[in-house]
Amino acid sequence: MQTVALLTISNVFMTMAWYGHLKFKEYPLFTVIFVSWGIAFVEYCFQVPANRIGHAQFTAAQLKTIQEVITLVVFSVFSVVYLKEALKWNYIVGFALMIGAVFFIFKEW
């Protein structure tokens, strides 16, 4: 659970770093790159420990899969709440198909 919590916090920061600047198009590109780097540094302060801790329980592929699912959830909320973009049905279907991959990665074969 600690791994999931740390990855979730990490993804909130990374989503802000990658997409938060879209509401600040009046600022020079150099400025938003610099601010995004600062936010990404904070993201790494959560992501690196999450993977270190998680690797005791999960494989690297499983950690990446967990991170991607969290990313989809965080990004969906971010795009609707912060960017005020609609979450269209085809986005949901596409995300669901990606989440279906979780079954294959975590299933003991």
N, C-alpha and C. Protein backbone atom coordinates (compact mmCIF):
# COMPACT_ATOMS: atom_id res chain seq x y z
N MET A 1 0.82 -1.20 0.00
CA MET A 1 0.00 0.00 0.00
C MET A 1 0.87 1.27 0.00
N GLN A 2 2.01 1.20 0.69
CA GLN A 2 2.92 2.34 0.72
C GLN A 2 3.41 2.68 -0.69
N THR A 3 3.70 1.66 -1.46
CA THR A 3 4.16 1.87 -2.84
C THR A 3 3.10 2.59 -3.66
N VAL A 4 1.86 2.14 -3.55
CA VAL A 4 0.76 2.76 -4.31
C VAL A 4 0.56 4.21 -3.88
N ALA A 5 0.63 4.47 -2.58
CA ALA A 5 0.46 5.84 -2.09
C ALA A 5 1.57 6.75 -2.62
N LEU A 6 2.81 6.28 -2.54
CA LEU A 6 3.94 7.08 -3.03
C LEU A 6 3.85 7.30 -4.54
N LEU A 7 3.46 6.26 -5.28
CA LEU A 7 3.31 6.42 -6.73
C LEU A 7 2.18 7.37 -7.08
N THR A 8 1.13 7.37 -6.29
CA THR A 8 0.01 8.30 -6.54
C THR A 8 0.47 9.74 -6.33
N ILE A 9 1.15 10.00 -5.23
CA ILE A 9 1.66 11.35 -4.98
C ILE A 9 2.63 11.75 -6.09
N SER A 10 3.50 10.84 -6.47
CA SER A 10 4.44 11.07 -7.55
C SER A 10 3.73 11.46 -8.83
N ASN A 11 2.67 10.74 -9.16
CA ASN A 11 1.93 11.00 -10.40
C ASN A 11 1.20 12.33 -10.37
N VAL A 12 0.73 12.75 -9.22
CA VAL A 12 0.09 14.06 -9.13
C VAL A 12 1.10 15.14 -9.50
N PHE A 13 2.30 15.05 -8.96
CA PHE A 13 3.33 16.04 -9.28
C PHE A 13 3.75 15.95 -10.75
N MET A 14 3.90 14.74 -11.27
CA MET A 14 4.35 14.62 -12.66
C MET A 14 3.29 15.12 -13.63
N THR A 15 2.03 14.85 -13.32
CA THR A 15 0.96 15.36 -14.19
C THR A 15 0.98 16.88 -14.20
N MET A 16 1.20 17.49 -13.03
CA MET A 16 1.31 18.96 -12.97
C MET A 16 2.51 19.45 -13.79
N ALA A 17 3.63 18.72 -13.69
CA ALA A 17 4.83 19.12 -14.43
C ALA A 17 4.60 19.03 -15.94
N TRP A 18 3.94 17.96 -16.37
CA TRP A 18 3.75 17.75 -17.80
C TRP A 18 2.64 18.58 -18.41
N TYR A 19 1.55 18.79 -17.66
CA TYR A 19 0.37 19.40 -18.26
C TYR A 19 -0.11 20.68 -17.57
N GLY A 20 0.38 20.98 -16.38
CA GLY A 20 -0.07 22.16 -15.66
C GLY A 20 0.20 23.46 -16.39
N HIS A 21 1.28 23.51 -17.13
CA HIS A 21 1.66 24.73 -17.84
C HIS A 21 0.71 25.06 -18.99
N LEU A 22 -0.16 24.14 -19.37
CA LEU A 22 -1.07 24.41 -20.50
C LEU A 22 -2.04 25.55 -20.20
N LYS A 23 -2.23 25.87 -18.94
CA LYS A 23 -3.08 27.00 -18.57
C LYS A 23 -2.29 28.31 -18.49
N PHE A 24 -1.00 28.24 -18.75
CA PHE A 24 -0.14 29.42 -18.64
C PHE A 24 0.61 29.66 -19.95
N LYS A 25 -0.12 29.71 -21.03
CA LYS A 25 0.50 29.84 -22.35
C LYS A 25 1.12 31.22 -22.57
N GLU A 26 0.78 32.18 -21.71
CA GLU A 26 1.35 33.52 -21.86
C GLU A 26 2.79 33.60 -21.34
N TYR A 27 3.23 32.59 -20.58
CA TYR A 27 4.60 32.58 -20.07
C TYR A 27 5.55 32.00 -21.12
N PRO A 28 6.78 32.49 -21.14
CA PRO A 28 7.75 31.96 -22.11
C PRO A 28 8.01 30.47 -21.86
N LEU A 29 8.31 29.77 -22.93
CA LEU A 29 8.57 28.34 -22.86
C LEU A 29 9.69 28.03 -21.87
N PHE A 30 10.75 28.82 -21.89
CA PHE A 30 11.85 28.59 -20.96
C PHE A 30 11.37 28.61 -19.51
N THR A 31 10.49 29.54 -19.18
CA THR A 31 9.98 29.66 -17.81
C THR A 31 9.20 28.42 -17.41
N VAL A 32 8.31 27.95 -18.27
CA VAL A 32 7.50 26.78 -17.90
C VAL A 32 8.34 25.51 -17.87
N ILE A 33 9.38 25.44 -18.69
CA ILE A 33 10.29 24.30 -18.62
C ILE A 33 11.00 24.29 -17.27
N PHE A 34 11.50 25.44 -16.85
CA PHE A 34 12.20 25.54 -15.58
C PHE A 34 11.28 25.18 -14.41
N VAL A 35 10.07 25.70 -14.40
CA VAL A 35 9.11 25.38 -13.34
C VAL A 35 8.76 23.89 -13.38
N SER A 36 8.56 23.34 -14.59
CA SER A 36 8.24 21.92 -14.72
C SER A 36 9.37 21.05 -14.18
N TRP A 37 10.62 21.44 -14.41
CA TRP A 37 11.75 20.69 -13.86
C TRP A 37 11.71 20.68 -12.34
N GLY A 38 11.37 21.82 -11.76
CA GLY A 38 11.28 21.89 -10.30
C GLY A 38 10.20 20.98 -9.76
N ILE A 39 9.06 20.95 -10.43
CA ILE A 39 7.97 20.07 -10.02
C ILE A 39 8.38 18.60 -10.21
N ALA A 40 9.05 18.32 -11.32
CA ALA A 40 9.49 16.94 -11.59
C ALA A 40 10.49 16.46 -10.55
N PHE A 41 11.30 17.37 -10.02
CA PHE A 41 12.24 16.97 -8.96
C PHE A 41 11.47 16.44 -7.74
N VAL A 42 10.40 17.15 -7.38
CA VAL A 42 9.57 16.71 -6.26
C VAL A 42 8.95 15.35 -6.59
N GLU A 43 8.52 15.18 -7.83
CA GLU A 43 7.94 13.91 -8.27
C GLU A 43 8.94 12.77 -8.05
N TYR A 44 10.19 12.99 -8.42
CA TYR A 44 11.22 11.96 -8.27
C TYR A 44 11.47 11.63 -6.80
N CYS A 45 11.28 12.60 -5.92
CA CYS A 45 11.46 12.35 -4.49
C CYS A 45 10.44 11.36 -3.94
N PHE A 46 9.33 11.17 -4.64
CA PHE A 46 8.34 10.17 -4.26
C PHE A 46 8.45 8.90 -5.11
N GLN A 47 8.76 9.08 -6.38
CA GLN A 47 8.79 7.95 -7.31
C GLN A 47 9.94 6.99 -7.02
N VAL A 48 11.12 7.51 -6.77
CA VAL A 48 12.27 6.65 -6.53
C VAL A 48 12.08 5.79 -5.28
N PRO A 49 11.68 6.37 -4.14
CA PRO A 49 11.41 5.51 -2.98
C PRO A 49 10.27 4.51 -3.23
N ALA A 50 9.26 4.94 -3.97
CA ALA A 50 8.14 4.02 -4.26
C ALA A 50 8.64 2.78 -4.98
N ASN A 51 9.49 2.97 -5.97
CA ASN A 51 10.01 1.83 -6.72
C ASN A 51 11.00 1.01 -5.90
N ARG A 52 11.79 1.66 -5.08
CA ARG A 52 12.72 0.94 -4.21
C ARG A 52 11.95 0.04 -3.25
N ILE A 53 10.95 0.63 -2.59
CA ILE A 53 10.13 -0.12 -1.63
C ILE A 53 9.33 -1.20 -2.35
N GLY A 54 8.71 -0.82 -3.46
CA GLY A 54 7.85 -1.74 -4.19
C GLY A 54 8.57 -2.92 -4.81
N HIS A 55 9.84 -2.74 -5.15
CA HIS A 55 10.56 -3.82 -5.81
C HIS A 55 10.82 -5.00 -4.89
N ALA A 56 10.62 -4.80 -3.60
CA ALA A 56 10.72 -5.93 -2.66
C ALA A 56 9.51 -6.86 -2.80
N GLN A 57 8.41 -6.34 -3.33
CA GLN A 57 7.17 -7.11 -3.45
C GLN A 57 6.77 -7.37 -4.90
N PHE A 58 7.10 -6.46 -5.80
CA PHE A 58 6.67 -6.54 -7.19
C PHE A 58 7.88 -6.61 -8.13
N THR A 59 7.64 -7.14 -9.33
CA THR A 59 8.66 -7.08 -10.37
C THR A 59 8.66 -5.66 -10.95
N ALA A 60 9.70 -5.34 -11.70
CA ALA A 60 9.76 -4.03 -12.34
C ALA A 60 8.58 -3.84 -13.31
N ALA A 61 8.22 -4.89 -14.04
CA ALA A 61 7.08 -4.79 -14.96
C ALA A 61 5.78 -4.54 -14.20
N GLN A 62 5.63 -5.18 -13.06
CA GLN A 62 4.42 -4.95 -12.25
C GLN A 62 4.41 -3.53 -11.69
N LEU A 63 5.56 -3.03 -11.25
CA LEU A 63 5.63 -1.65 -10.76
C LEU A 63 5.25 -0.66 -11.86
N LYS A 64 5.76 -0.89 -13.05
CA LYS A 64 5.44 0.00 -14.18
C LYS A 64 3.95 -0.06 -14.49
N THR A 65 3.36 -1.23 -14.40
CA THR A 65 1.93 -1.38 -14.67
C THR A 65 1.11 -0.64 -13.62
N ILE A 66 1.48 -0.77 -12.37
CA ILE A 66 0.79 -0.04 -11.30
C ILE A 66 0.88 1.46 -11.56
N GLN A 67 2.07 1.91 -11.91
CA GLN A 67 2.29 3.33 -12.18
C GLN A 67 1.43 3.81 -13.34
N GLU A 68 1.30 3.03 -14.38
CA GLU A 68 0.51 3.44 -15.55
C GLU A 68 -0.98 3.53 -15.21
N VAL A 69 -1.48 2.59 -14.42
CA VAL A 69 -2.89 2.65 -14.02
C VAL A 69 -3.13 3.89 -13.17
N ILE A 70 -2.23 4.15 -12.23
CA ILE A 70 -2.36 5.36 -11.41
C ILE A 70 -2.30 6.60 -12.29
N THR A 71 -1.42 6.60 -13.27
CA THR A 71 -1.31 7.73 -14.19
C THR A 71 -2.62 7.99 -14.91
N LEU A 72 -3.27 6.93 -15.39
CA LEU A 72 -4.54 7.10 -16.08
C LEU A 72 -5.60 7.71 -15.18
N VAL A 73 -5.66 7.25 -13.95
CA VAL A 73 -6.65 7.78 -13.01
C VAL A 73 -6.34 9.24 -12.67
N VAL A 74 -5.10 9.52 -12.31
CA VAL A 74 -4.70 10.88 -11.95
C VAL A 74 -4.92 11.82 -13.13
N PHE A 75 -4.49 11.40 -14.32
CA PHE A 75 -4.65 12.26 -15.49
C PHE A 75 -6.12 12.51 -15.81
N SER A 76 -6.95 11.50 -15.68
CA SER A 76 -8.38 11.68 -15.96
C SER A 76 -8.99 12.73 -15.04
N VAL A 77 -8.69 12.63 -13.77
CA VAL A 77 -9.21 13.62 -12.81
C VAL A 77 -8.63 15.00 -13.11
N PHE A 78 -7.33 15.06 -13.36
CA PHE A 78 -6.66 16.32 -13.66
C PHE A 78 -7.25 17.00 -14.89
N SER A 79 -7.44 16.25 -15.95
CA SER A 79 -7.93 16.85 -17.19
C SER A 79 -9.35 17.39 -17.04
N VAL A 80 -10.16 16.71 -16.24
CA VAL A 80 -11.54 17.18 -16.03
C VAL A 80 -11.57 18.35 -15.06
N VAL A 81 -10.89 18.23 -13.93
CA VAL A 81 -10.97 19.24 -12.87
C VAL A 81 -10.13 20.47 -13.18
N TYR A 82 -8.87 20.28 -13.57
CA TYR A 82 -7.96 21.40 -13.76
C TYR A 82 -8.04 22.01 -15.16
N LEU A 83 -8.00 21.15 -16.18
CA LEU A 83 -8.02 21.65 -17.56
C LEU A 83 -9.42 21.88 -18.09
N LYS A 84 -10.43 21.40 -17.35
CA LYS A 84 -11.84 21.55 -17.75
C LYS A 84 -12.13 20.91 -19.10
N GLU A 85 -11.51 19.76 -19.34
CA GLU A 85 -11.73 19.02 -20.58
C GLU A 85 -12.70 17.87 -20.30
N ALA A 86 -13.49 17.54 -21.29
CA ALA A 86 -14.46 16.45 -21.14
C ALA A 86 -13.75 15.10 -21.16
N LEU A 87 -14.25 14.18 -20.36
CA LEU A 87 -13.76 12.80 -20.39
C LEU A 87 -14.72 12.04 -21.30
N LYS A 88 -14.34 11.90 -22.55
CA LYS A 88 -15.21 11.31 -23.57
C LYS A 88 -15.28 9.80 -23.44
N TRP A 89 -16.34 9.24 -23.97
CA TRP A 89 -16.56 7.79 -23.86
C TRP A 89 -15.42 6.99 -24.49
N ASN A 90 -14.88 7.47 -25.61
CA ASN A 90 -13.81 6.73 -26.26
C ASN A 90 -12.52 6.75 -25.45
N TYR A 91 -12.29 7.81 -24.66
CA TYR A 91 -11.14 7.84 -23.76
C TYR A 91 -11.31 6.75 -22.70
N ILE A 92 -12.50 6.66 -22.15
CA ILE A 92 -12.78 5.68 -21.10
C ILE A 92 -12.59 4.26 -21.64
N VAL A 93 -13.09 4.00 -22.85
CA VAL A 93 -12.93 2.67 -23.45
C VAL A 93 -11.44 2.37 -23.66
N GLY A 94 -10.71 3.33 -24.18
CA GLY A 94 -9.27 3.15 -24.39
C GLY A 94 -8.53 2.89 -23.09
N PHE A 95 -8.86 3.65 -22.05
CA PHE A 95 -8.23 3.43 -20.75
C PHE A 95 -8.59 2.05 -20.20
N ALA A 96 -9.84 1.65 -20.38
CA ALA A 96 -10.28 0.33 -19.89
C ALA A 96 -9.50 -0.79 -20.58
N LEU A 97 -9.25 -0.64 -21.87
CA LEU A 97 -8.46 -1.64 -22.59
C LEU A 97 -7.04 -1.71 -22.05
N MET A 98 -6.47 -0.55 -21.73
CA MET A 98 -5.12 -0.55 -21.16
C MET A 98 -5.12 -1.19 -19.78
N ILE A 99 -6.13 -0.92 -19.00
CA ILE A 99 -6.21 -1.51 -17.67
C ILE A 99 -6.43 -3.01 -17.78
N GLY A 100 -7.06 -3.46 -18.85
CA GLY A 100 -7.20 -4.89 -19.07
C GLY A 100 -5.85 -5.59 -19.15
N ALA A 101 -4.83 -4.88 -19.56
CA ALA A 101 -3.48 -5.45 -19.62
C ALA A 101 -2.97 -5.83 -18.22
N VAL A 102 -3.50 -5.16 -17.21
CA VAL A 102 -3.09 -5.47 -15.83
C VAL A 102 -3.33 -6.94 -15.52
N PHE A 103 -4.43 -7.46 -15.98
CA PHE A 103 -4.76 -8.87 -15.75
C PHE A 103 -3.63 -9.77 -16.22
N PHE A 104 -3.15 -9.53 -17.43
CA PHE A 104 -2.12 -10.40 -18.01
C PHE A 104 -0.78 -10.25 -17.29
N ILE A 105 -0.49 -9.06 -16.80
CA ILE A 105 0.80 -8.82 -16.15
C ILE A 105 0.82 -9.40 -14.73
N PHE A 106 -0.31 -9.34 -14.04
CA PHE A 106 -0.34 -9.79 -12.65
C PHE A 106 -0.80 -11.25 -12.49
N LYS A 107 -1.35 -11.84 -13.52
CA LYS A 107 -1.83 -13.22 -13.44
C LYS A 107 -0.65 -14.17 -13.37
N GLU A 108 -0.72 -15.12 -12.44
CA GLU A 108 0.30 -16.15 -12.34
C GLU A 108 0.02 -17.20 -13.42
N TRP A 109 0.91 -17.34 -14.38
CA TRP A 109 0.69 -18.27 -15.48
C TRP A 109 1.47 -19.54 -15.24
